[in-house]
């Protein structure tokens, strides 16, 4: 099924495009930023910032996916991943 292959490809990109160390540091930084926003402005602002980041991240993801034709072509700083599932 096409949809199943698409999901496998997206999961492969999500889990293999960055090193584990980079992902751990990234999430620690995100938590620190959200913790600081919560202490500074409270839950309302924290949820707005989180929602904004999710929307922006999704938009950037689909933009890169479009420009790289499904993660198969190089574009800008992106290099295609080897071994993408079909």
PDB file of N, CA and C in Angstrom:
ATOM      1  N   UNK A   1       0.837  -1.176   0.000  1.00  0.00           N
ATOM      2  CA  UNK A   1       0.000   0.000   0.000  1.00  0.00           C
ATOM      3  C   UNK A   1       0.890   1.250   0.000  1.00  0.00           C
ATOM      4  N   UNK A   2       0.536   2.252  -0.750  1.00  0.00           N
ATOM      5  CA  UNK A   2       1.332   3.468  -0.879  1.00  0.00           C
ATOM      6  C   UNK A   2       1.443   4.200   0.450  1.00  0.00           C
ATOM      7  N   UNK A   3       0.344   4.309   1.180  1.00  0.00           N
ATOM      8  CA  UNK A   3       0.342   5.041   2.443  1.00  0.00           C
ATOM      9  C   UNK A   3       1.287   4.394   3.452  1.00  0.00           C
ATOM     10  N   UNK A   4       1.312   3.060   3.499  1.00  0.00           N
ATOM     11  CA  UNK A   4       2.191   2.346   4.422  1.00  0.00           C
ATOM     12  C   UNK A   4       3.660   2.622   4.094  1.00  0.00           C
ATOM     13  N   UNK A   5       4.004   2.621   2.810  1.00  0.00           N
ATOM     14  CA  UNK A   5       5.369   2.939   2.402  1.00  0.00           C
ATOM     15  C   UNK A   5       5.749   4.365   2.745  1.00  0.00           C
ATOM     16  N   UNK A   6       4.805   5.277   2.604  1.00  0.00           N
ATOM     17  CA  UNK A   6       5.044   6.677   2.947  1.00  0.00           C
ATOM     18  C   UNK A   6       5.334   6.826   4.430  1.00  0.00           C
ATOM     19  N   UNK A   7       4.561   6.151   5.267  1.00  0.00           N
ATOM     20  CA  UNK A   7       4.771   6.213   6.717  1.00  0.00           C
ATOM     21  C   UNK A   7       6.139   5.636   7.077  1.00  0.00           C
ATOM     22  N   UNK A   8       6.517   4.507   6.466  1.00  0.00           N
ATOM     23  CA  UNK A   8       7.829   3.908   6.740  1.00  0.00           C
ATOM     24  C   UNK A   8       8.954   4.861   6.361  1.00  0.00           C
ATOM     25  N   UNK A   9       8.824   5.521   5.211  1.00  0.00           N
ATOM     26  CA  UNK A   9       9.852   6.457   4.765  1.00  0.00           C
ATOM     27  C   UNK A   9       9.960   7.641   5.723  1.00  0.00           C
ATOM     28  N   UNK A  10       8.826   8.196   6.142  1.00  0.00           N
ATOM     29  CA  UNK A  10       8.836   9.341   7.058  1.00  0.00           C
ATOM     30  C   UNK A  10       9.445   8.960   8.405  1.00  0.00           C
ATOM     31  N   UNK A  11       9.109   7.783   8.918  1.00  0.00           N
ATOM     32  CA  UNK A  11       9.691   7.333  10.178  1.00  0.00           C
ATOM     33  C   UNK A  11      11.196   7.121  10.045  1.00  0.00           C
ATOM     34  N   UNK A  12      11.633   6.577   8.916  1.00  0.00           N
ATOM     35  CA  UNK A  12      13.064   6.377   8.695  1.00  0.00           C
ATOM     36  C   UNK A  12      13.797   7.712   8.712  1.00  0.00           C
ATOM     37  N   UNK A  13      13.250   8.703   8.024  1.00  0.00           N
ATOM     38  CA  UNK A  13      13.873  10.030   7.992  1.00  0.00           C
ATOM     39  C   UNK A  13      13.890  10.635   9.390  1.00  0.00           C
ATOM     40  N   UNK A  14      12.785  10.514  10.112  1.00  0.00           N
ATOM     41  CA  UNK A  14      12.699  11.099  11.448  1.00  0.00           C
ATOM     42  C   UNK A  14      13.689  10.459  12.414  1.00  0.00           C
ATOM     43  N   UNK A  15      13.935   9.170  12.280  1.00  0.00           N
ATOM     44  CA  UNK A  15      14.784   8.473  13.241  1.00  0.00           C
ATOM     45  C   UNK A  15      16.244   8.368  12.823  1.00  0.00           C
ATOM     46  N   UNK A  16      16.570   8.577  11.557  1.00  0.00           N
ATOM     47  CA  UNK A  16      17.941   8.389  11.103  1.00  0.00           C
ATOM     48  C   UNK A  16      18.625   9.653  10.588  1.00  0.00           C
ATOM     49  N   UNK A  17      17.919  10.748  10.466  1.00  0.00           N
ATOM     50  CA  UNK A  17      18.510  11.955   9.899  1.00  0.00           C
ATOM     51  C   UNK A  17      19.414  12.668  10.898  1.00  0.00           C
ATOM     52  N   UNK A  18      19.219  12.430  12.194  1.00  0.00           N
ATOM     53  CA  UNK A  18      20.027  13.075  13.223  1.00  0.00           C
ATOM     54  C   UNK A  18      20.611  12.004  14.133  1.00  0.00           C
ATOM     55  N   UNK A  19      21.776  12.304  14.693  1.00  0.00           N
ATOM     56  CA  UNK A  19      22.378  11.366  15.630  1.00  0.00           C
ATOM     57  C   UNK A  19      21.585  11.364  16.926  1.00  0.00           C
ATOM     58  N   UNK A  20      21.721  10.289  17.679  1.00  0.00           N
ATOM     59  CA  UNK A  20      21.008  10.183  18.958  1.00  0.00           C
ATOM     60  C   UNK A  20      21.452  11.299  19.909  1.00  0.00           C
ATOM     61  N   UNK A  21      22.732  11.595  19.924  1.00  0.00           N
ATOM     62  CA  UNK A  21      23.244  12.655  20.799  1.00  0.00           C
ATOM     63  C   UNK A  21      22.607  14.002  20.455  1.00  0.00           C
ATOM     64  N   UNK A  22      22.511  14.311  19.176  1.00  0.00           N
ATOM     65  CA  UNK A  22      21.902  15.569  18.754  1.00  0.00           C
ATOM     66  C   UNK A  22      20.447  15.637  19.199  1.00  0.00           C
ATOM     67  N   UNK A  23      19.708  14.528  19.038  1.00  0.00           N
ATOM     68  CA  UNK A  23      18.298  14.509  19.441  1.00  0.00           C
ATOM     69  C   UNK A  23      18.134  14.715  20.937  1.00  0.00           C
ATOM     70  N   UNK A  24      18.996  14.083  21.748  1.00  0.00           N
ATOM     71  CA  UNK A  24      18.917  14.248  23.202  1.00  0.00           C
ATOM     72  C   UNK A  24      19.169  15.698  23.579  1.00  0.00           C
ATOM     73  N   UNK A  25      20.217  16.291  23.021  1.00  0.00           N
ATOM     74  CA  UNK A  25      20.526  17.697  23.316  1.00  0.00           C
ATOM     75  C   UNK A  25      19.384  18.597  22.852  1.00  0.00           C
ATOM     76  N   UNK A  26      18.825  18.324  21.687  1.00  0.00           N
ATOM     77  CA  UNK A  26      17.720  19.125  21.158  1.00  0.00           C
ATOM     78  C   UNK A  26      16.535  19.112  22.112  1.00  0.00           C
ATOM     79  N   UNK A  27      16.165  17.936  22.608  1.00  0.00           N
ATOM     80  CA  UNK A  27      15.009  17.859  23.507  1.00  0.00           C
ATOM     81  C   UNK A  27      15.304  18.479  24.867  1.00  0.00           C
ATOM     82  N   UNK A  28      16.525  18.396  25.340  1.00  0.00           N
ATOM     83  CA  UNK A  28      16.888  19.072  26.590  1.00  0.00           C
ATOM     84  C   UNK A  28      16.760  20.578  26.420  1.00  0.00           C
ATOM     85  N   UNK A  29      17.224  21.102  25.291  1.00  0.00           N
ATOM     86  CA  UNK A  29      17.104  22.543  25.023  1.00  0.00           C
ATOM     87  C   UNK A  29      15.634  22.942  24.924  1.00  0.00           C
ATOM     88  N   UNK A  30      14.824  22.153  24.213  1.00  0.00           N
ATOM     89  CA  UNK A  30      13.387  22.456  24.121  1.00  0.00           C
ATOM     90  C   UNK A  30      12.741  22.500  25.502  1.00  0.00           C
ATOM     91  N   UNK A  31      13.031  21.500  26.333  1.00  0.00           N
ATOM     92  CA  UNK A  31      12.451  21.472  27.679  1.00  0.00           C
ATOM     93  C   UNK A  31      12.905  22.661  28.514  1.00  0.00           C
ATOM     94  N   UNK A  32      14.167  23.042  28.386  1.00  0.00           N
ATOM     95  CA  UNK A  32      14.668  24.201  29.127  1.00  0.00           C
ATOM     96  C   UNK A  32      13.968  25.480  28.674  1.00  0.00           C
ATOM     97  N   UNK A  33      13.783  25.633  27.377  1.00  0.00           N
ATOM     98  CA  UNK A  33      13.100  26.823  26.857  1.00  0.00           C
ATOM     99  C   UNK A  33      11.651  26.856  27.328  1.00  0.00           C
ATOM    100  N   UNK A  34      10.958  25.717  27.228  1.00  0.00           N
ATOM    101  CA  UNK A  34       9.561  25.684  27.673  1.00  0.00           C
ATOM    102  C   UNK A  34       9.446  25.884  29.177  1.00  0.00           C
ATOM    103  N   UNK A  35      10.396  25.348  29.933  1.00  0.00           N
ATOM    104  CA  UNK A  35      10.399  25.578  31.381  1.00  0.00           C
ATOM    105  C   UNK A  35      10.586  27.048  31.712  1.00  0.00           C
ATOM    106  N   UNK A  36      11.474  27.713  30.988  1.00  0.00           N
ATOM    107  CA  UNK A  36      11.704  29.144  31.216  1.00  0.00           C
ATOM    108  C   UNK A  36      10.470  29.963  30.834  1.00  0.00           C
ATOM    109  N   UNK A  37       9.838  29.621  29.724  1.00  0.00           N
ATOM    110  CA  UNK A  37       8.625  30.344  29.314  1.00  0.00           C
ATOM    111  C   UNK A  37       7.511  30.127  30.339  1.00  0.00           C
ATOM    112  N   UNK A  38       7.381  28.898  30.841  1.00  0.00           N
ATOM    113  CA  UNK A  38       6.358  28.614  31.849  1.00  0.00           C
ATOM    114  C   UNK A  38       6.593  29.444  33.113  1.00  0.00           C
ATOM    115  N   UNK A  39       7.839  29.482  33.579  1.00  0.00           N
ATOM    116  CA  UNK A  39       8.136  30.253  34.798  1.00  0.00           C
ATOM    117  C   UNK A  39       7.939  31.745  34.574  1.00  0.00           C
ATOM    118  N   UNK A  40       8.187  32.202  33.351  1.00  0.00           N
ATOM    119  CA  UNK A  40       8.105  33.631  33.054  1.00  0.00           C
ATOM    120  C   UNK A  40       6.670  34.088  32.800  1.00  0.00           C
ATOM    121  N   UNK A  41       5.915  33.339  31.973  1.00  0.00           N
ATOM    122  CA  UNK A  41       4.588  33.780  31.537  1.00  0.00           C
ATOM    123  C   UNK A  41       3.438  32.848  31.908  1.00  0.00           C
ATOM    124  N   UNK A  42       3.708  31.605  32.309  1.00  0.00           N
ATOM    125  CA  UNK A  42       2.632  30.690  32.682  1.00  0.00           C
ATOM    126  C   UNK A  42       2.235  29.747  31.556  1.00  0.00           C
ATOM    127  N   UNK A  43       1.194  28.918  31.857  1.00  0.00           N
ATOM    128  CA  UNK A  43       0.780  27.872  30.921  1.00  0.00           C
ATOM    129  C   UNK A  43       0.199  28.405  29.623  1.00  0.00           C
ATOM    130  N   UNK A  44      -0.561  29.483  29.690  1.00  0.00           N
ATOM    131  CA  UNK A  44      -1.201  29.999  28.477  1.00  0.00           C
ATOM    132  C   UNK A  44      -0.200  30.317  27.385  1.00  0.00           C
ATOM    133  N   UNK A  45       0.825  31.047  27.735  1.00  0.00           N
ATOM    134  CA  UNK A  45       1.853  31.410  26.756  1.00  0.00           C
ATOM    135  C   UNK A  45       2.667  30.191  26.341  1.00  0.00           C
ATOM    136  N   UNK A  46       2.940  29.295  27.292  1.00  0.00           N
ATOM    137  CA  UNK A  46       3.717  28.094  26.975  1.00  0.00           C
ATOM    138  C   UNK A  46       3.008  27.261  25.908  1.00  0.00           C
ATOM    139  N   UNK A  47       1.692  27.071  26.037  1.00  0.00           N
ATOM    140  CA  UNK A  47       0.947  26.297  25.041  1.00  0.00           C
ATOM    141  C   UNK A  47       0.904  27.000  23.693  1.00  0.00           C
ATOM    142  N   UNK A  48       0.798  28.333  23.717  1.00  0.00           N
ATOM    143  CA  UNK A  48       0.794  29.078  22.448  1.00  0.00           C
ATOM    144  C   UNK A  48       2.132  28.933  21.728  1.00  0.00           C
ATOM    145  N   UNK A  49       3.223  29.026  22.479  1.00  0.00           N
ATOM    146  CA  UNK A  49       4.554  28.873  21.879  1.00  0.00           C
ATOM    147  C   UNK A  49       4.730  27.448  21.361  1.00  0.00           C
ATOM    148  N   UNK A  50       4.309  26.456  22.141  1.00  0.00           N
ATOM    149  CA  UNK A  50       4.419  25.063  21.713  1.00  0.00           C
ATOM    150  C   UNK A  50       3.619  24.815  20.436  1.00  0.00           C
ATOM    151  N   UNK A  51       2.382  25.295  20.398  1.00  0.00           N
ATOM    152  CA  UNK A  51       1.556  25.129  19.201  1.00  0.00           C
ATOM    153  C   UNK A  51       2.185  25.832  17.997  1.00  0.00           C
ATOM    154  N   UNK A  52       2.718  27.032  18.207  1.00  0.00           N
ATOM    155  CA  UNK A  52       3.377  27.762  17.117  1.00  0.00           C
ATOM    156  C   UNK A  52       4.578  26.993  16.590  1.00  0.00           C
ATOM    157  N   UNK A  53       5.372  26.397  17.491  1.00  0.00           N
ATOM    158  CA  UNK A  53       6.545  25.638  17.066  1.00  0.00           C
ATOM    159  C   UNK A  53       6.146  24.373  16.310  1.00  0.00           C
ATOM    160  N   UNK A  54       5.071  23.717  16.733  1.00  0.00           N
ATOM    161  CA  UNK A  54       4.601  22.519  16.030  1.00  0.00           C
ATOM    162  C   UNK A  54       4.142  22.880  14.618  1.00  0.00           C
ATOM    163  N   UNK A  55       3.379  23.963  14.491  1.00  0.00           N
ATOM    164  CA  UNK A  55       2.900  24.393  13.172  1.00  0.00           C
ATOM    165  C   UNK A  55       4.081  24.782  12.284  1.00  0.00           C
ATOM    166  N   UNK A  56       5.013  25.567  12.807  1.00  0.00           N
ATOM    167  CA  UNK A  56       6.182  25.980  12.031  1.00  0.00           C
ATOM    168  C   UNK A  56       7.041  24.774  11.649  1.00  0.00           C
ATOM    169  N   UNK A  57       7.265  23.855  12.589  1.00  0.00           N
ATOM    170  CA  UNK A  57       8.056  22.660  12.304  1.00  0.00           C
ATOM    171  C   UNK A  57       7.429  21.788  11.236  1.00  0.00           C
ATOM    172  N   UNK A  58       6.107  21.641  11.287  1.00  0.00           N
ATOM    173  CA  UNK A  58       5.403  20.859  10.273  1.00  0.00           C
ATOM    174  C   UNK A  58       5.511  21.525   8.903  1.00  0.00           C
ATOM    175  N   UNK A  59       5.378  22.842   8.874  1.00  0.00           N
ATOM    176  CA  UNK A  59       5.496  23.572   7.607  1.00  0.00           C
ATOM    177  C   UNK A  59       6.898  23.418   7.020  1.00  0.00           C
ATOM    178  N   UNK A  60       7.926  23.537   7.856  1.00  0.00           N
ATOM    179  CA  UNK A  60       9.309  23.383   7.380  1.00  0.00           C
ATOM    180  C   UNK A  60       9.537  21.955   6.889  1.00  0.00           C
ATOM    181  N   UNK A  61       9.006  20.972   7.620  1.00  0.00           N
ATOM    182  CA  UNK A  61       9.146  19.575   7.214  1.00  0.00           C
ATOM    183  C   UNK A  61       8.577  19.348   5.814  1.00  0.00           C
ATOM    184  N   UNK A  62       7.347  19.798   5.598  1.00  0.00           N
ATOM    185  CA  UNK A  62       6.725  19.580   4.292  1.00  0.00           C
ATOM    186  C   UNK A  62       7.392  20.407   3.197  1.00  0.00           C
ATOM    187  N   UNK A  63       7.928  21.578   3.538  1.00  0.00           N
ATOM    188  CA  UNK A  63       8.665  22.363   2.551  1.00  0.00           C
ATOM    189  C   UNK A  63       9.915  21.600   2.100  1.00  0.00           C
ATOM    190  N   UNK A  64      10.695  21.066   3.062  1.00  0.00           N
ATOM    191  CA  UNK A  64      11.891  20.300   2.710  1.00  0.00           C
ATOM    192  C   UNK A  64      11.513  19.031   1.952  1.00  0.00           C
ATOM    193  N   UNK A  65      10.425  18.400   2.354  1.00  0.00           N
ATOM    194  CA  UNK A  65       9.988  17.190   1.664  1.00  0.00           C
ATOM    195  C   UNK A  65       9.633  17.504   0.214  1.00  0.00           C
ATOM    196  N   UNK A  66       8.995  18.626  -0.007  1.00  0.00           N
ATOM    197  CA  UNK A  66       8.630  19.052  -1.364  1.00  0.00           C
ATOM    198  C   UNK A  66       9.885  19.371  -2.174  1.00  0.00           C
ATOM    199  N   UNK A  67      10.823  20.122  -1.586  1.00  0.00           N
ATOM    200  CA  UNK A  67      12.021  20.532  -2.320  1.00  0.00           C
ATOM    201  C   UNK A  67      12.956  19.357  -2.614  1.00  0.00           C
ATOM    202  N   UNK A  68      12.924  18.316  -1.773  1.00  0.00           N
ATOM    203  CA  UNK A  68      13.797  17.162  -1.989  1.00  0.00           C
ATOM    204  C   UNK A  68      13.073  16.005  -2.669  1.00  0.00           C
ATOM    205  N   UNK A  69      11.852  16.260  -3.118  1.00  0.00           N
ATOM    206  CA  UNK A  69      11.039  15.243  -3.795  1.00  0.00           C
ATOM    207  C   UNK A  69      10.956  13.959  -2.965  1.00  0.00           C
ATOM    208  N   UNK A  70      10.485  14.099  -1.747  1.00  0.00           N
ATOM    209  CA  UNK A  70      10.307  12.935  -0.872  1.00  0.00           C
ATOM    210  C   UNK A  70      11.599  12.416  -0.294  1.00  0.00           C
ATOM    211  N   UNK A  71      12.535  13.298   0.016  1.00  0.00           N
ATOM    212  CA  UNK A  71      13.825  12.985   0.637  1.00  0.00           C
ATOM    213  C   UNK A  71      14.750  12.215  -0.301  1.00  0.00           C
ATOM    214  N   UNK A  72      14.569  12.325  -1.603  1.00  0.00           N
ATOM    215  CA  UNK A  72      15.400  11.558  -2.535  1.00  0.00           C
ATOM    216  C   UNK A  72      16.396  12.409  -3.313  1.00  0.00           C
ATOM    217  N   UNK A  73      16.226  13.720  -3.351  1.00  0.00           N
ATOM    218  CA  UNK A  73      17.116  14.605  -4.114  1.00  0.00           C
ATOM    219  C   UNK A  73      17.807  15.580  -3.161  1.00  0.00           C
ATOM    220  N   UNK A  74      19.069  15.942  -3.446  1.00  0.00           N
ATOM    221  CA  UNK A  74      19.734  16.936  -2.605  1.00  0.00           C
ATOM    222  C   UNK A  74      19.153  18.325  -2.844  1.00  0.00           C
ATOM    223  N   UNK A  75      19.124  19.120  -1.810  1.00  0.00           N
ATOM    224  CA  UNK A  75      18.678  20.511  -1.924  1.00  0.00           C
ATOM    225  C   UNK A  75      19.258  21.306  -0.776  1.00  0.00           C
ATOM    226  N   UNK A  76      19.914  22.407  -1.060  1.00  0.00           N
ATOM    227  CA  UNK A  76      20.518  23.320  -0.099  1.00  0.00           C
ATOM    228  C   UNK A  76      21.496  22.558   0.784  1.00  0.00           C
ATOM    229  N   UNK A  77      21.292  22.499   2.107  1.00  0.00           N
ATOM    230  CA  UNK A  77      22.222  21.793   2.984  1.00  0.00           C
ATOM    231  C   UNK A  77      21.843  20.327   3.171  1.00  0.00           C
ATOM    232  N   UNK A  78      20.729  19.921   2.608  1.00  0.00           N
ATOM    233  CA  UNK A  78      20.230  18.563   2.796  1.00  0.00           C
ATOM    234  C   UNK A  78      20.881  17.616   1.801  1.00  0.00           C
ATOM    235  N   UNK A  79      21.323  16.468   2.302  1.00  0.00           N
ATOM    236  CA  UNK A  79      21.826  15.400   1.447  1.00  0.00           C
ATOM    237  C   UNK A  79      20.907  14.198   1.640  1.00  0.00           C
ATOM    238  N   UNK A  80      20.561  13.486   0.576  1.00  0.00           N
ATOM    239  CA  UNK A  80      19.632  12.362   0.712  1.00  0.00           C
ATOM    240  C   UNK A  80      20.187  11.258   1.610  1.00  0.00           C
ATOM    241  N   UNK A  81      19.294  10.582   2.314  1.00  0.00           N
ATOM    242  CA  UNK A  81      19.677   9.466   3.167  1.00  0.00           C
ATOM    243  C   UNK A  81      19.782   8.203   2.334  1.00  0.00           C
ATOM    244  N   UNK A  82      20.792   7.395   2.618  1.00  0.00           N
ATOM    245  CA  UNK A  82      20.932   6.105   1.944  1.00  0.00           C
ATOM    246  C   UNK A  82      20.019   5.089   2.618  1.00  0.00           C
ATOM    247  N   UNK A  83      19.509   4.176   1.853  1.00  0.00           N
ATOM    248  CA  UNK A  83      18.725   3.080   2.402  1.00  0.00           C
ATOM    249  C   UNK A  83      17.296   3.424   2.750  1.00  0.00           C
ATOM    250  N   UNK A  84      16.728   4.437   2.106  1.00  0.00           N
ATOM    251  CA  UNK A  84      15.327   4.775   2.375  1.00  0.00           C
ATOM    252  C   UNK A  84      14.426   3.623   1.967  1.00  0.00           C
ATOM    253  N   UNK A  85      13.458   3.255   2.822  1.00  0.00           N
ATOM    254  CA  UNK A  85      12.518   2.208   2.413  1.00  0.00           C
ATOM    255  C   UNK A  85      11.633   2.689   1.273  1.00  0.00           C
ATOM    256  N   UNK A  86      11.271   1.796   0.403  1.00  0.00           N
ATOM    257  CA  UNK A  86      10.425   2.157  -0.752  1.00  0.00           C
ATOM    258  C   UNK A  86       8.982   2.108  -0.405  1.00  0.00           C
TER     259      UNK A  86
END
